[in-house]
Amino acid sequence: MLTVSNLTKNFGPIQAVKDVSFTVKKGEVLGFLGPNGAGKSTSMRMITGFLPPTSGTATICGHDIVEEPVAAKRCIGYLPENAPLYNNMKVTEFLNFIGKIRGYEGRLLKTKVDEAIAKSRLEPVYNRAIENLSKGYRQRTCFAQAILHDPQVLIMDEPTDGLDPNQKFVVRQMIKEMSTDKVIIVSTHILEEVDAVCSRAIIIANGRLVANGTPAELRAQDPQGRFDMVFRNLTLIEEKSNG
């Protein structure tokens, strides 16, 4: 359902993403891992159509994000890092606003908003102003807007960054519950996310794809099965080779 083909992004003389290719099938939760500055967020922005690639493309549900951006984006739910919110709105007002932008109205709009609130565990704060929410509930509100239209592909950039352990647990549970019938990509630098929610992971370092496999396959690259050592070795080797 999602194919990334030779994705490359240059910012002047700097090549931030270098010929990245991978596929994700329905039912998979793909961890998109890498150290800070590796090119994760830039890749996510190209896949979702927020940033044009220098070369290469992404195909979402059969639609090329460069050639058919509107059709491709209809299939995507996107939770960007530090997702923007309208602080003066209540949670329900914000979700109704998002729903109307997506073309829903009347009873269907109410149904979509109610379902998003339930799936995102927002019932305790649905009538509260966003500016008064904790970081965890703000993140869930962003999650709700990303899934309101029941997208086939869900892409999340650092969805648990900065959350406390209880909040992380809730967000991860929401991801697991939605994973059976969707393509899900979770971009993160938190290694524990792999064991918590991912069925497969890729590692990017210095803009280049350096590993692609199941958590077990990646752990097998270290004699003690330590994923942190696999991650460190792969990313440091890439950094040194380009240093």
C-alpha atoms as a PDB file:
ATOM      1  CA  MET A   1       0.000   0.000   0.000  1.00  0.00           C
ATOM      2  CA  LEU A   2       3.011   2.316   0.363  1.00  0.00           C
ATOM      3  CA  THR A   3       6.140   2.212  -1.774  1.00  0.00           C
ATOM      4  CA  VAL A   4       9.026   4.646  -1.440  1.00  0.00           C
ATOM      5  CA  SER A   5      11.254   4.695  -4.525  1.00  0.00           C
ATOM      6  CA  ASN A   6      14.735   6.278  -4.600  1.00  0.00           C
ATOM      7  CA  LEU A   7      13.665   9.232  -2.476  1.00  0.00           C
ATOM      8  CA  THR A   8      16.286  11.988  -2.445  1.00  0.00           C
ATOM      9  CA  LYS A   9      16.289  15.538  -1.050  1.00  0.00           C
ATOM     10  CA  ASN A  10      18.958  18.176  -1.524  1.00  0.00           C
ATOM     11  CA  PHE A  11      19.125  21.491   0.314  1.00  0.00           C
ATOM     12  CA  GLY A  12      21.643  23.317  -1.803  1.00  0.00           C
ATOM     13  CA  PRO A  13      24.925  21.362  -1.550  1.00  0.00           C
ATOM     14  CA  ILE A  14      23.614  19.288   1.385  1.00  0.00           C
ATOM     15  CA  GLN A  15      21.997  15.944   0.559  1.00  0.00           C
ATOM     16  CA  ALA A  16      19.649  15.305   3.491  1.00  0.00           C
ATOM     17  CA  VAL A  17      18.056  12.107   2.115  1.00  0.00           C
ATOM     18  CA  LYS A  18      19.969   9.803  -0.221  1.00  0.00           C
ATOM     19  CA  ASP A  19      18.177   7.373  -2.531  1.00  0.00           C
ATOM     20  CA  VAL A  20      15.904   5.797   0.110  1.00  0.00           C
ATOM     21  CA  SER A  21      13.602   2.941  -0.975  1.00  0.00           C
ATOM     22  CA  PHE A  22      11.290   0.647   0.998  1.00  0.00           C
ATOM     23  CA  THR A  23       7.756  -0.760   1.005  1.00  0.00           C
ATOM     24  CA  VAL A  24       5.146  -1.181   3.740  1.00  0.00           C
ATOM     25  CA  LYS A  25       2.197  -3.561   3.509  1.00  0.00           C
ATOM     26  CA  LYS A  26      -1.233  -3.489   5.124  1.00  0.00           C
ATOM     27  CA  GLY A  27      -1.036  -4.720   8.707  1.00  0.00           C
ATOM     28  CA  GLU A  28       2.591  -3.674   9.206  1.00  0.00           C
ATOM     29  CA  VAL A  29       3.830  -1.134  11.737  1.00  0.00           C
ATOM     30  CA  LEU A  30       7.157   0.096  10.394  1.00  0.00           C
ATOM     31  CA  GLY A  31       9.588   1.776  12.741  1.00  0.00           C
ATOM     32  CA  PHE A  32      11.539   4.476  10.901  1.00  0.00           C
ATOM     33  CA  LEU A  33      14.584   4.898  13.122  1.00  0.00           C
ATOM     34  CA  GLY A  34      17.643   7.068  13.149  1.00  0.00           C
ATOM     35  CA  PRO A  35      19.647   9.521  15.256  1.00  0.00           C
ATOM     36  CA  ASN A  36      18.743  13.189  15.350  1.00  0.00           C
ATOM     37  CA  GLY A  37      19.458  14.828  11.997  1.00  0.00           C
ATOM     38  CA  ALA A  38      19.471  11.515  10.108  1.00  0.00           C
ATOM     39  CA  GLY A  39      16.769  12.602   7.645  1.00  0.00           C
ATOM     40  CA  LYS A  40      13.700  11.007   9.260  1.00  0.00           C
ATOM     41  CA  SER A  41      11.463  14.066   9.360  1.00  0.00           C
ATOM     42  CA  THR A  42      12.556  15.186   5.892  1.00  0.00           C
ATOM     43  CA  SER A  43      11.640  11.745   4.547  1.00  0.00           C
ATOM     44  CA  MET A  44       8.227  11.836   6.262  1.00  0.00           C
ATOM     45  CA  ARG A  45       7.507  15.273   4.828  1.00  0.00           C
ATOM     46  CA  MET A  46       8.310  14.080   1.315  1.00  0.00           C
ATOM     47  CA  ILE A  47       6.219  10.919   1.656  1.00  0.00           C
ATOM     48  CA  THR A  48       3.226  12.949   2.843  1.00  0.00           C
ATOM     49  CA  GLY A  49       3.600  15.636   0.173  1.00  0.00           C
ATOM     50  CA  PHE A  50       4.567  18.499   2.482  1.00  0.00           C
ATOM     51  CA  LEU A  51       8.008  18.739   0.895  1.00  0.00           C
ATOM     52  CA  PRO A  52       8.810  18.062  -2.779  1.00  0.00           C
ATOM     53  CA  PRO A  53      11.580  15.519  -3.369  1.00  0.00           C
ATOM     54  CA  THR A  54      14.626  16.405  -5.432  1.00  0.00           C
ATOM     55  CA  SER A  55      14.187  13.020  -7.093  1.00  0.00           C
ATOM     56  CA  GLY A  56      12.316   9.803  -6.481  1.00  0.00           C
ATOM     57  CA  THR A  57       8.759   9.503  -5.205  1.00  0.00           C
ATOM     58  CA  ALA A  58       6.325   7.696  -2.915  1.00  0.00           C
ATOM     59  CA  THR A  59       3.252   5.772  -4.048  1.00  0.00           C
ATOM     60  CA  ILE A  60       0.351   5.658  -1.600  1.00  0.00           C
ATOM     61  CA  CYS A  61      -2.543   3.294  -2.361  1.00  0.00           C
ATOM     62  CA  GLY A  62      -1.548   3.384  -6.043  1.00  0.00           C
ATOM     63  CA  HIS A  63      -1.233   7.185  -6.218  1.00  0.00           C
ATOM     64  CA  ASP A  64       2.089   8.913  -6.877  1.00  0.00           C
ATOM     65  CA  ILE A  65       2.577  11.700  -4.302  1.00  0.00           C
ATOM     66  CA  VAL A  66       4.291  13.875  -6.935  1.00  0.00           C
ATOM     67  CA  GLU A  67       1.943  13.221  -9.861  1.00  0.00           C
ATOM     68  CA  GLU A  68      -1.330  12.745  -7.927  1.00  0.00           C
ATOM     69  CA  PRO A  69      -0.851  14.616  -4.649  1.00  0.00           C
ATOM     70  CA  VAL A  70      -4.527  15.164  -3.811  1.00  0.00           C
ATOM     71  CA  ALA A  71      -5.522  11.536  -4.371  1.00  0.00           C
ATOM     72  CA  ALA A  72      -2.483  10.306  -2.451  1.00  0.00           C
ATOM     73  CA  LYS A  73      -3.105  12.637   0.505  1.00  0.00           C
ATOM     74  CA  ARG A  74      -6.702  11.445   0.818  1.00  0.00           C
ATOM     75  CA  CYS A  75      -5.269   8.063   1.821  1.00  0.00           C
ATOM     76  CA  ILE A  76      -2.907   9.496   4.448  1.00  0.00           C
ATOM     77  CA  GLY A  77      -3.337  10.399   8.090  1.00  0.00           C
ATOM     78  CA  TYR A  78      -0.349  12.462   9.218  1.00  0.00           C
ATOM     79  CA  LEU A  79       0.778  13.274  12.740  1.00  0.00           C
ATOM     80  CA  PRO A  80       3.781  15.590  12.306  1.00  0.00           C
ATOM     81  CA  GLU A  81       6.349  16.282  14.985  1.00  0.00           C
ATOM     82  CA  ASN A  82       5.149  19.181  17.159  1.00  0.00           C
ATOM     83  CA  ALA A  83       1.779  19.089  15.416  1.00  0.00           C
ATOM     84  CA  PRO A  84       0.088  22.495  15.374  1.00  0.00           C
ATOM     85  CA  LEU A  85      -3.181  23.048  17.228  1.00  0.00           C
ATOM     86  CA  TYR A  86      -5.570  25.973  17.644  1.00  0.00           C
ATOM     87  CA  ASN A  87      -5.213  26.611  21.362  1.00  0.00           C
ATOM     88  CA  ASN A  88      -8.324  28.760  21.650  1.00  0.00           C
ATOM     89  CA  MET A  89     -10.550  25.941  20.371  1.00  0.00           C
ATOM     90  CA  LYS A  90     -12.075  23.162  22.427  1.00  0.00           C
ATOM     91  CA  VAL A  91     -11.162  19.607  21.412  1.00  0.00           C
ATOM     92  CA  THR A  92     -14.560  19.011  19.780  1.00  0.00           C
ATOM     93  CA  GLU A  93     -14.434  22.362  17.972  1.00  0.00           C
ATOM     94  CA  PHE A  94     -11.023  21.542  16.545  1.00  0.00           C
ATOM     95  CA  LEU A  95     -12.070  18.083  15.364  1.00  0.00           C
ATOM     96  CA  ASN A  96     -15.277  19.446  13.840  1.00  0.00           C
ATOM     97  CA  PHE A  97     -13.169  22.035  12.021  1.00  0.00           C
ATOM     98  CA  ILE A  98     -10.871  19.310  10.660  1.00  0.00           C
ATOM     99  CA  GLY A  99     -13.881  17.205   9.651  1.00  0.00           C
ATOM    100  CA  LYS A 100     -15.474  20.072   7.729  1.00  0.00           C
ATOM    101  CA  ILE A 101     -12.201  20.685   5.886  1.00  0.00           C
ATOM    102  CA  ARG A 102     -12.344  17.022   4.827  1.00  0.00           C
ATOM    103  CA  GLY A 103     -15.859  17.524   3.504  1.00  0.00           C
ATOM    104  CA  TYR A 104     -17.943  15.939   6.262  1.00  0.00           C
ATOM    105  CA  GLU A 105     -21.117  17.541   7.541  1.00  0.00           C
ATOM    106  CA  GLY A 106     -24.265  16.795   9.522  1.00  0.00           C
ATOM    107  CA  ARG A 107     -24.677  13.360  11.088  1.00  0.00           C
ATOM    108  CA  LEU A 108     -21.639  11.919   9.302  1.00  0.00           C
ATOM    109  CA  LEU A 109     -19.432  14.681  10.717  1.00  0.00           C
ATOM    110  CA  LYS A 110     -20.677  13.982  14.246  1.00  0.00           C
ATOM    111  CA  THR A 111     -20.083  10.254  13.802  1.00  0.00           C
ATOM    112  CA  LYS A 112     -16.525  10.798  12.546  1.00  0.00           C
ATOM    113  CA  VAL A 113     -15.688  13.160  15.420  1.00  0.00           C
ATOM    114  CA  ASP A 114     -17.216  10.847  18.043  1.00  0.00           C
ATOM    115  CA  GLU A 115     -15.287   7.870  16.667  1.00  0.00           C
ATOM    116  CA  ALA A 116     -12.001   9.800  16.636  1.00  0.00           C
ATOM    117  CA  ILE A 117     -12.559  10.941  20.234  1.00  0.00           C
ATOM    118  CA  ALA A 118     -13.267   7.368  21.350  1.00  0.00           C
ATOM    119  CA  LYS A 119     -10.276   5.850  19.536  1.00  0.00           C
ATOM    120  CA  SER A 120      -7.970   8.546  20.927  1.00  0.00           C
ATOM    121  CA  ARG A 121      -9.235   8.229  24.535  1.00  0.00           C
ATOM    122  CA  LEU A 122     -10.278  11.893  24.604  1.00  0.00           C
ATOM    123  CA  GLU A 123     -13.614  11.500  26.415  1.00  0.00           C
ATOM    124  CA  PRO A 124     -12.361  13.127  29.667  1.00  0.00           C
ATOM    125  CA  VAL A 125     -11.311  16.344  27.865  1.00  0.00           C
ATOM    126  CA  TYR A 126     -13.496  16.543  24.734  1.00  0.00           C
ATOM    127  CA  ASN A 127     -15.112  19.794  25.887  1.00  0.00           C
ATOM    128  CA  ARG A 128     -11.965  21.396  27.254  1.00  0.00           C
ATOM    129  CA  ALA A 129      -9.918  24.164  25.620  1.00  0.00           C
ATOM    130  CA  ILE A 130      -6.800  22.815  23.919  1.00  0.00           C
ATOM    131  CA  GLU A 131      -4.592  25.410  25.640  1.00  0.00           C
ATOM    132  CA  ASN A 132      -5.476  23.807  29.003  1.00  0.00           C
ATOM    133  CA  LEU A 133      -4.570  20.242  28.008  1.00  0.00           C
ATOM    134  CA  SER A 134      -1.548  18.284  29.183  1.00  0.00           C
ATOM    135  CA  LYS A 135       1.048  17.345  26.568  1.00  0.00           C
ATOM    136  CA  GLY A 136      -0.332  13.816  26.478  1.00  0.00           C
ATOM    137  CA  TYR A 137      -3.867  14.944  25.704  1.00  0.00           C
ATOM    138  CA  ARG A 138      -2.600  17.468  23.157  1.00  0.00           C
ATOM    139  CA  GLN A 139      -0.792  14.617  21.410  1.00  0.00           C
ATOM    140  CA  ARG A 140      -3.958  12.521  21.455  1.00  0.00           C
ATOM    141  CA  THR A 141      -5.900  15.435  19.960  1.00  0.00           C
ATOM    142  CA  CYS A 142      -3.362  15.561  17.122  1.00  0.00           C
ATOM    143  CA  PHE A 143      -3.717  11.797  16.763  1.00  0.00           C
ATOM    144  CA  ALA A 144      -7.507  12.190  16.539  1.00  0.00           C
ATOM    145  CA  GLN A 145      -7.270  14.664  13.655  1.00  0.00           C
ATOM    146  CA  ALA A 146      -4.911  12.276  11.827  1.00  0.00           C
ATOM    147  CA  ILE A 147      -7.363   9.353  12.008  1.00  0.00           C
ATOM    148  CA  LEU A 148     -10.654  11.241  11.691  1.00  0.00           C
ATOM    149  CA  HIS A 149     -11.118  10.245   8.036  1.00  0.00           C
ATOM    150  CA  ASP A 150     -10.084   6.610   8.731  1.00  0.00           C
ATOM    151  CA  PRO A 151      -7.015   6.729   6.456  1.00  0.00           C
ATOM    152  CA  GLN A 152      -5.486   3.601   4.952  1.00  0.00           C
ATOM    153  CA  VAL A 153      -1.979   4.903   5.662  1.00  0.00           C
ATOM    154  CA  LEU A 154      -1.049   6.465   9.011  1.00  0.00           C
ATOM    155  CA  ILE A 155       2.284   8.268   9.333  1.00  0.00           C
ATOM    156  CA  MET A 156       3.484   9.557  12.695  1.00  0.00           C
ATOM    157  CA  ASP A 157       6.632  11.563  13.368  1.00  0.00           C
ATOM    158  CA  GLU A 158       7.909  11.106  16.947  1.00  0.00           C
ATOM    159  CA  PRO A 159       4.433  10.333  18.376  1.00  0.00           C
ATOM    160  CA  THR A 160       5.633   9.597  21.935  1.00  0.00           C
ATOM    161  CA  ASP A 161       8.524  12.052  22.223  1.00  0.00           C
ATOM    162  CA  GLY A 162       8.346  13.978  25.496  1.00  0.00           C
ATOM    163  CA  LEU A 163       5.491  11.934  26.956  1.00  0.00           C
ATOM    164  CA  ASP A 164       5.640  10.287  30.376  1.00  0.00           C
ATOM    165  CA  PRO A 165       5.563   6.452  30.604  1.00  0.00           C
ATOM    166  CA  ASN A 166       1.794   6.279  31.134  1.00  0.00           C
ATOM    167  CA  GLN A 167       1.102   8.568  28.172  1.00  0.00           C
ATOM    168  CA  LYS A 168       3.495   6.584  25.982  1.00  0.00           C
ATOM    169  CA  PHE A 169       1.671   3.386  26.906  1.00  0.00           C
ATOM    170  CA  VAL A 170      -1.694   4.842  25.862  1.00  0.00           C
ATOM    171  CA  VAL A 171      -0.397   6.133  22.508  1.00  0.00           C
ATOM    172  CA  ARG A 172       1.262   2.793  21.770  1.00  0.00           C
ATOM    173  CA  GLN A 173      -1.951   0.940  22.586  1.00  0.00           C
ATOM    174  CA  MET A 174      -3.833   3.178  20.143  1.00  0.00           C
ATOM    175  CA  ILE A 175      -1.280   2.378  17.435  1.00  0.00           C
ATOM    176  CA  LYS A 176      -1.570  -1.365  18.047  1.00  0.00           C
ATOM    177  CA  GLU A 177      -5.362  -1.267  17.911  1.00  0.00           C
ATOM    178  CA  MET A 178      -5.307   0.433  14.506  1.00  0.00           C
ATOM    179  CA  SER A 179      -2.522  -1.648  12.973  1.00  0.00           C
ATOM    180  CA  THR A 180      -4.509  -4.624  11.674  1.00  0.00           C
ATOM    181  CA  ASP A 181      -6.078  -2.903   8.670  1.00  0.00           C
ATOM    182  CA  LYS A 182      -3.683  -0.026   7.985  1.00  0.00           C
ATOM    183  CA  VAL A 183      -0.169   0.778   6.888  1.00  0.00           C
ATOM    184  CA  ILE A 184       1.515   2.534   9.814  1.00  0.00           C
ATOM    185  CA  ILE A 185       4.902   4.258   9.887  1.00  0.00           C
ATOM    186  CA  VAL A 186       6.308   5.483  13.189  1.00  0.00           C
ATOM    187  CA  SER A 187       9.327   7.744  12.823  1.00  0.00           C
ATOM    188  CA  THR A 188      11.328   7.820  16.051  1.00  0.00           C
ATOM    189  CA  HIS A 189      14.729   7.906  17.696  1.00  0.00           C
ATOM    190  CA  ILE A 190      13.396   6.019  20.743  1.00  0.00           C
ATOM    191  CA  LEU A 191      14.660   2.450  20.390  1.00  0.00           C
ATOM    192  CA  GLU A 192      12.127   0.952  22.812  1.00  0.00           C
ATOM    193  CA  GLU A 193       9.421   1.901  20.301  1.00  0.00           C
ATOM    194  CA  VAL A 194      10.522  -1.030  18.126  1.00  0.00           C
ATOM    195  CA  ASP A 195       9.697  -3.658  20.736  1.00  0.00           C
ATOM    196  CA  ALA A 196       6.585  -1.797  21.870  1.00  0.00           C
ATOM    197  CA  VAL A 197       4.729  -1.435  18.547  1.00  0.00           C
ATOM    198  CA  CYS A 198       6.744  -2.316  15.435  1.00  0.00           C
ATOM    199  CA  SER A 199       6.586  -5.457  13.325  1.00  0.00           C
ATOM    200  CA  ARG A 200       9.506  -4.260  11.185  1.00  0.00           C
ATOM    201  CA  ALA A 201      12.059  -1.485  11.339  1.00  0.00           C
ATOM    202  CA  ILE A 202      14.383   0.408   9.068  1.00  0.00           C
ATOM    203  CA  ILE A 203      17.325   2.480  10.205  1.00  0.00           C
ATOM    204  CA  ILE A 204      18.467   5.641   8.464  1.00  0.00           C
ATOM    205  CA  ALA A 205      21.791   7.362   9.131  1.00  0.00           C
ATOM    206  CA  ASN A 206      23.237  10.396   7.403  1.00  0.00           C
ATOM    207  CA  GLY A 207      20.277  10.319   5.013  1.00  0.00           C
ATOM    208  CA  ARG A 208      20.963   6.755   3.878  1.00  0.00           C
ATOM    209  CA  LEU A 209      19.058   3.526   4.590  1.00  0.00           C
ATOM    210  CA  VAL A 210      21.418   1.218   6.493  1.00  0.00           C
ATOM    211  CA  ALA A 211      19.121  -1.567   7.789  1.00  0.00           C
ATOM    212  CA  ASN A 212      15.715  -3.098   7.069  1.00  0.00           C
ATOM    213  CA  GLY A 213      14.241  -6.077   8.926  1.00  0.00           C
ATOM    214  CA  THR A 214      12.119  -7.440  11.735  1.00  0.00           C
ATOM    215  CA  PRO A 215      13.188  -6.640  15.315  1.00  0.00           C
ATOM    216  CA  ALA A 216      14.503 -10.214  15.641  1.00  0.00           C
ATOM    217  CA  GLU A 217      16.527  -9.937  12.417  1.00  0.00           C
ATOM    218  CA  LEU A 218      18.072  -6.669  13.523  1.00  0.00           C
ATOM    219  CA  ARG A 219      18.913  -7.965  17.012  1.00  0.00           C
ATOM    220  CA  ALA A 220      20.621 -10.984  15.441  1.00  0.00           C
ATOM    221  CA  GLN A 221      23.342  -8.643  14.157  1.00  0.00           C
ATOM    222  CA  ASP A 222      24.697  -8.335  17.722  1.00  0.00           C
ATOM    223  CA  PRO A 223      26.124 -11.386  19.614  1.00  0.00           C
ATOM    224  CA  GLN A 224      24.158 -10.421  22.736  1.00  0.00           C
ATOM    225  CA  GLY A 225      21.041  -9.477  20.799  1.00  0.00           C
ATOM    226  CA  ARG A 226      21.241  -5.867  21.965  1.00  0.00           C
ATOM    227  CA  PHE A 227      19.326  -3.615  19.628  1.00  0.00           C
ATOM    228  CA  ASP A 228      20.984  -0.502  21.007  1.00  0.00           C
ATOM    229  CA  MET A 229      24.383  -1.870  19.967  1.00  0.00           C
ATOM    230  CA  VAL A 230      23.114  -2.731  16.479  1.00  0.00           C
ATOM    231  CA  PHE A 231      21.702   0.769  16.135  1.00  0.00           C
ATOM    232  CA  ARG A 232      24.890   2.405  17.412  1.00  0.00           C
ATOM    233  CA  ASN A 233      27.194   0.371  15.210  1.00  0.00           C
ATOM    234  CA  LEU A 234      25.173   0.972  12.038  1.00  0.00           C
ATOM    235  CA  THR A 235      24.692   4.691  12.566  1.00  0.00           C
ATOM    236  CA  LEU A 236      28.231   5.429  13.783  1.00  0.00           C
ATOM    237  CA  ILE A 237      29.785   3.510  10.881  1.00  0.00           C
ATOM    238  CA  GLU A 238      27.721   5.543   8.438  1.00  0.00           C
ATOM    239  CA  GLU A 239      28.648   8.822  10.141  1.00  0.00           C
ATOM    240  CA  LYS A 240      32.371   7.945  10.132  1.00  0.00           C
ATOM    241  CA  SER A 241      32.290   6.884   6.476  1.00  0.00           C
ATOM    242  CA  ASN A 242      30.925  10.317   5.599  1.00  0.00           C
ATOM    243  CA  GLY A 243      32.967  12.273   8.102  1.00  0.00           C
END
